[in-house]
Amino acid sequence: MSGFKGTEGRWAVVDGLSAGKQVISESAPKVRRNIASCGGPKREHNAALIAAAPELLEALLLFTSKTEQGFVMNQSDIDKCKAAIAKALGNH
C-alpha cells in the first residue's frame, strides 16, 4: 500500500464565493490551494468531510497497520482517530 498522493498539508474549510464553501490546502501556493468547492444546502457538512479526508486516511492506515501486526491501538492512536472523525463531522 502506498502513501497519500493528493495535495499535501492541512486541509481547511473557508467561505467561498457567494454562499458556497471551499476546501483549501493551507500550505499550498495561492494559485493551487483550492481542493474542492461545495454548494447546496449540505455544503458545510460536505466540505467538512472532504477537508477531513487526509486525517481519516491517516487514521485508517494507522489502524490497519497496527492490527495487521497484531498490536492494539493505544490512547494516542485512538485520540487521532477521534479527532479525524470530529473534523469530518464538523465538530473540531
N, C-alpha and C. Protein backbone atom coordinates (compact mmCIF):
# COMPACT_ATOMS: atom_id res chain seq x y z
N MET A 1 0.85 -1.17 0.00
CA MET A 1 0.00 0.00 0.00
C MET A 1 0.90 1.23 0.00
N SER A 2 0.59 2.16 -0.86
CA SER A 2 1.41 3.37 -0.93
C SER A 2 0.76 4.52 -0.18
N GLY A 3 1.51 5.56 0.01
CA GLY A 3 1.04 6.71 0.78
C GLY A 3 0.13 7.63 -0.01
N PHE A 4 -0.31 8.66 0.65
CA PHE A 4 -1.23 9.66 0.11
C PHE A 4 -0.58 10.39 -1.06
N LYS A 5 -1.29 10.50 -2.15
CA LYS A 5 -0.76 11.16 -3.34
C LYS A 5 -1.46 12.48 -3.65
N GLY A 6 -2.39 12.87 -2.81
CA GLY A 6 -3.13 14.12 -3.03
C GLY A 6 -2.34 15.33 -2.57
N THR A 7 -3.01 16.46 -2.54
CA THR A 7 -2.39 17.71 -2.11
C THR A 7 -1.99 17.61 -0.65
N GLU A 8 -0.73 17.84 -0.38
CA GLU A 8 -0.22 17.73 0.99
C GLU A 8 -0.58 18.95 1.81
N GLY A 9 -0.42 18.83 3.11
CA GLY A 9 -0.71 19.92 4.02
C GLY A 9 -2.08 19.79 4.64
N ARG A 10 -2.34 20.65 5.61
CA ARG A 10 -3.62 20.64 6.31
C ARG A 10 -4.69 21.20 5.38
N TRP A 11 -5.83 20.50 5.31
CA TRP A 11 -6.97 20.97 4.52
C TRP A 11 -7.94 21.66 5.46
N ALA A 12 -8.52 22.76 5.03
CA ALA A 12 -9.43 23.54 5.86
C ALA A 12 -10.62 24.02 5.03
N VAL A 13 -11.72 24.30 5.72
CA VAL A 13 -12.93 24.83 5.09
C VAL A 13 -12.94 26.35 5.26
N VAL A 14 -13.17 27.05 4.17
CA VAL A 14 -13.29 28.51 4.19
C VAL A 14 -14.52 28.92 3.39
N ASP A 15 -14.97 30.14 3.62
CA ASP A 15 -16.08 30.66 2.83
C ASP A 15 -15.62 30.83 1.39
N GLY A 16 -16.45 30.35 0.47
CA GLY A 16 -16.16 30.51 -0.95
C GLY A 16 -16.87 31.73 -1.49
N LEU A 17 -16.87 31.85 -2.78
CA LEU A 17 -17.60 32.93 -3.42
C LEU A 17 -19.09 32.70 -3.23
N SER A 18 -19.84 33.74 -3.16
CA SER A 18 -21.29 33.72 -2.90
C SER A 18 -21.56 32.95 -1.62
N ALA A 19 -22.42 31.95 -1.65
CA ALA A 19 -22.81 31.25 -0.42
C ALA A 19 -22.12 29.91 -0.26
N GLY A 20 -21.16 29.60 -1.10
CA GLY A 20 -20.53 28.29 -1.06
C GLY A 20 -19.41 28.18 -0.03
N LYS A 21 -18.88 26.98 0.06
CA LYS A 21 -17.72 26.69 0.91
C LYS A 21 -16.62 26.13 0.02
N GLN A 22 -15.40 26.40 0.40
CA GLN A 22 -14.26 25.85 -0.31
C GLN A 22 -13.41 25.06 0.67
N VAL A 23 -12.82 23.99 0.16
CA VAL A 23 -11.82 23.24 0.90
C VAL A 23 -10.49 23.60 0.28
N ILE A 24 -9.58 24.08 1.11
CA ILE A 24 -8.28 24.53 0.62
C ILE A 24 -7.15 23.81 1.35
N SER A 25 -6.00 23.78 0.70
CA SER A 25 -4.77 23.35 1.37
C SER A 25 -4.11 24.61 1.89
N GLU A 26 -3.98 24.70 3.20
CA GLU A 26 -3.42 25.91 3.81
C GLU A 26 -1.96 26.14 3.45
N SER A 27 -1.24 25.08 3.08
CA SER A 27 0.19 25.23 2.81
C SER A 27 0.52 25.35 1.33
N ALA A 28 -0.45 25.17 0.46
CA ALA A 28 -0.18 25.23 -0.99
C ALA A 28 -0.09 26.69 -1.45
N PRO A 29 0.64 26.93 -2.54
CA PRO A 29 0.66 28.28 -3.10
C PRO A 29 -0.76 28.72 -3.45
N LYS A 30 -1.03 30.01 -3.36
CA LYS A 30 -2.39 30.52 -3.54
C LYS A 30 -3.05 30.04 -4.84
N VAL A 31 -2.31 29.95 -5.91
CA VAL A 31 -2.91 29.55 -7.19
C VAL A 31 -3.28 28.07 -7.22
N ARG A 32 -2.79 27.28 -6.26
CA ARG A 32 -3.08 25.85 -6.24
C ARG A 32 -3.72 25.38 -4.95
N ARG A 33 -4.27 26.26 -4.16
CA ARG A 33 -4.73 25.83 -2.86
C ARG A 33 -6.14 25.27 -2.83
N ASN A 34 -6.97 25.52 -3.86
CA ASN A 34 -8.34 25.02 -3.85
C ASN A 34 -8.37 23.51 -4.08
N ILE A 35 -8.99 22.78 -3.18
CA ILE A 35 -9.17 21.33 -3.29
C ILE A 35 -10.55 21.03 -3.87
N ALA A 36 -11.57 21.70 -3.32
CA ALA A 36 -12.95 21.44 -3.74
C ALA A 36 -13.82 22.65 -3.42
N SER A 37 -14.89 22.79 -4.18
CA SER A 37 -15.91 23.80 -3.91
C SER A 37 -17.22 23.08 -3.64
N CYS A 38 -17.94 23.51 -2.63
CA CYS A 38 -19.19 22.87 -2.24
C CYS A 38 -20.31 23.89 -2.20
N GLY A 39 -21.42 23.55 -2.82
CA GLY A 39 -22.60 24.39 -2.78
C GLY A 39 -23.79 23.57 -2.31
N GLY A 40 -24.93 24.19 -2.28
CA GLY A 40 -26.15 23.48 -1.90
C GLY A 40 -26.39 23.49 -0.41
N PRO A 41 -27.52 22.93 0.00
CA PRO A 41 -27.93 23.00 1.41
C PRO A 41 -27.01 22.23 2.37
N LYS A 42 -26.27 21.27 1.90
CA LYS A 42 -25.39 20.47 2.76
C LYS A 42 -23.92 20.86 2.59
N ARG A 43 -23.67 22.05 2.06
CA ARG A 43 -22.30 22.46 1.71
C ARG A 43 -21.34 22.43 2.88
N GLU A 44 -21.79 22.86 4.06
CA GLU A 44 -20.87 22.88 5.21
C GLU A 44 -20.49 21.47 5.62
N HIS A 45 -21.45 20.56 5.62
CA HIS A 45 -21.19 19.17 6.02
C HIS A 45 -20.31 18.46 4.98
N ASN A 46 -20.61 18.68 3.70
CA ASN A 46 -19.81 18.07 2.65
C ASN A 46 -18.38 18.59 2.67
N ALA A 47 -18.22 19.90 2.87
CA ALA A 47 -16.88 20.48 2.93
C ALA A 47 -16.10 19.95 4.13
N ALA A 48 -16.76 19.79 5.27
CA ALA A 48 -16.08 19.26 6.46
C ALA A 48 -15.57 17.84 6.21
N LEU A 49 -16.39 17.02 5.56
CA LEU A 49 -15.98 15.64 5.26
C LEU A 49 -14.80 15.62 4.30
N ILE A 50 -14.86 16.44 3.26
CA ILE A 50 -13.75 16.49 2.30
C ILE A 50 -12.47 16.98 2.97
N ALA A 51 -12.58 18.02 3.79
CA ALA A 51 -11.40 18.58 4.46
C ALA A 51 -10.76 17.58 5.42
N ALA A 52 -11.55 16.66 5.95
CA ALA A 52 -11.03 15.67 6.90
C ALA A 52 -10.43 14.45 6.21
N ALA A 53 -10.56 14.35 4.90
CA ALA A 53 -10.10 13.15 4.18
C ALA A 53 -8.66 12.75 4.49
N PRO A 54 -7.69 13.66 4.48
CA PRO A 54 -6.32 13.23 4.78
C PRO A 54 -6.16 12.64 6.19
N GLU A 55 -6.83 13.25 7.18
CA GLU A 55 -6.75 12.74 8.55
C GLU A 55 -7.47 11.40 8.69
N LEU A 56 -8.60 11.25 7.99
CA LEU A 56 -9.31 9.97 8.03
C LEU A 56 -8.47 8.87 7.40
N LEU A 57 -7.82 9.17 6.28
CA LEU A 57 -6.94 8.20 5.64
C LEU A 57 -5.79 7.83 6.57
N GLU A 58 -5.18 8.83 7.18
CA GLU A 58 -4.07 8.57 8.11
C GLU A 58 -4.52 7.67 9.26
N ALA A 59 -5.71 7.93 9.80
CA ALA A 59 -6.24 7.12 10.91
C ALA A 59 -6.49 5.68 10.46
N LEU A 60 -7.04 5.50 9.27
CA LEU A 60 -7.28 4.15 8.76
C LEU A 60 -5.97 3.41 8.48
N LEU A 61 -4.99 4.11 7.93
CA LEU A 61 -3.69 3.48 7.70
C LEU A 61 -3.04 3.06 9.01
N LEU A 62 -3.14 3.90 10.03
CA LEU A 62 -2.60 3.58 11.35
C LEU A 62 -3.31 2.35 11.92
N PHE A 63 -4.64 2.35 11.84
CA PHE A 63 -5.43 1.24 12.38
C PHE A 63 -5.07 -0.07 11.68
N THR A 64 -5.06 -0.07 10.35
CA THR A 64 -4.77 -1.32 9.63
C THR A 64 -3.34 -1.78 9.87
N SER A 65 -2.39 -0.86 9.92
CA SER A 65 -1.01 -1.23 10.17
C SER A 65 -0.86 -1.89 11.54
N LYS A 66 -1.44 -1.27 12.55
CA LYS A 66 -1.32 -1.82 13.91
C LYS A 66 -2.02 -3.18 14.02
N THR A 67 -3.23 -3.28 13.50
CA THR A 67 -3.98 -4.53 13.67
C THR A 67 -3.38 -5.66 12.84
N GLU A 68 -2.86 -5.36 11.65
CA GLU A 68 -2.22 -6.39 10.84
C GLU A 68 -0.96 -6.94 11.52
N GLN A 69 -0.31 -6.11 12.33
CA GLN A 69 0.89 -6.54 13.04
C GLN A 69 0.57 -7.16 14.39
N GLY A 70 -0.72 -7.22 14.72
CA GLY A 70 -1.13 -7.82 15.98
C GLY A 70 -1.08 -6.89 17.18
N PHE A 71 -0.89 -5.60 16.92
CA PHE A 71 -0.85 -4.62 18.01
C PHE A 71 -2.25 -4.08 18.28
N VAL A 72 -2.40 -3.49 19.44
CA VAL A 72 -3.65 -2.80 19.75
C VAL A 72 -3.40 -1.30 19.68
N MET A 73 -4.45 -0.56 19.47
CA MET A 73 -4.34 0.89 19.41
C MET A 73 -4.17 1.43 20.83
N ASN A 74 -3.20 2.33 21.02
CA ASN A 74 -3.05 2.97 22.33
C ASN A 74 -3.93 4.23 22.36
N GLN A 75 -3.99 4.90 23.49
CA GLN A 75 -4.89 6.05 23.63
C GLN A 75 -4.55 7.17 22.66
N SER A 76 -3.27 7.38 22.40
CA SER A 76 -2.86 8.41 21.44
C SER A 76 -3.39 8.10 20.04
N ASP A 77 -3.32 6.83 19.65
CA ASP A 77 -3.85 6.41 18.35
C ASP A 77 -5.36 6.62 18.28
N ILE A 78 -6.04 6.24 19.35
CA ILE A 78 -7.50 6.40 19.41
C ILE A 78 -7.87 7.88 19.35
N ASP A 79 -7.10 8.72 20.03
CA ASP A 79 -7.37 10.16 20.01
C ASP A 79 -7.22 10.74 18.60
N LYS A 80 -6.21 10.25 17.83
CA LYS A 80 -6.04 10.69 16.44
C LYS A 80 -7.26 10.32 15.61
N CYS A 81 -7.75 9.10 15.81
CA CYS A 81 -8.93 8.64 15.08
C CYS A 81 -10.15 9.48 15.44
N LYS A 82 -10.34 9.74 16.73
CA LYS A 82 -11.49 10.54 17.17
C LYS A 82 -11.41 11.97 16.64
N ALA A 83 -10.21 12.53 16.59
CA ALA A 83 -10.05 13.89 16.07
C ALA A 83 -10.40 13.95 14.59
N ALA A 84 -9.99 12.93 13.83
CA ALA A 84 -10.31 12.89 12.40
C ALA A 84 -11.82 12.76 12.19
N ILE A 85 -12.46 11.93 13.00
CA ILE A 85 -13.91 11.77 12.90
C ILE A 85 -14.62 13.07 13.27
N ALA A 86 -14.16 13.73 14.33
CA ALA A 86 -14.77 15.00 14.75
C ALA A 86 -14.65 16.05 13.64
N LYS A 87 -13.48 16.11 12.99
CA LYS A 87 -13.30 17.07 11.90
C LYS A 87 -14.25 16.76 10.76
N ALA A 88 -14.39 15.47 10.42
CA ALA A 88 -15.29 15.07 9.33
C ALA A 88 -16.74 15.43 9.64
N LEU A 89 -17.09 15.39 10.91
CA LEU A 89 -18.46 15.71 11.32
C LEU A 89 -18.66 17.21 11.57
N GLY A 90 -17.59 17.98 11.40
CA GLY A 90 -17.68 19.43 11.60
C GLY A 90 -17.63 19.84 13.05
N ASN A 91 -17.10 18.96 13.92
CA ASN A 91 -17.06 19.21 15.36
C ASN A 91 -15.65 19.48 15.88
N HIS A 92 -14.78 20.03 15.07
CA HIS A 92 -13.39 20.24 15.53
C HIS A 92 -13.19 21.59 16.12
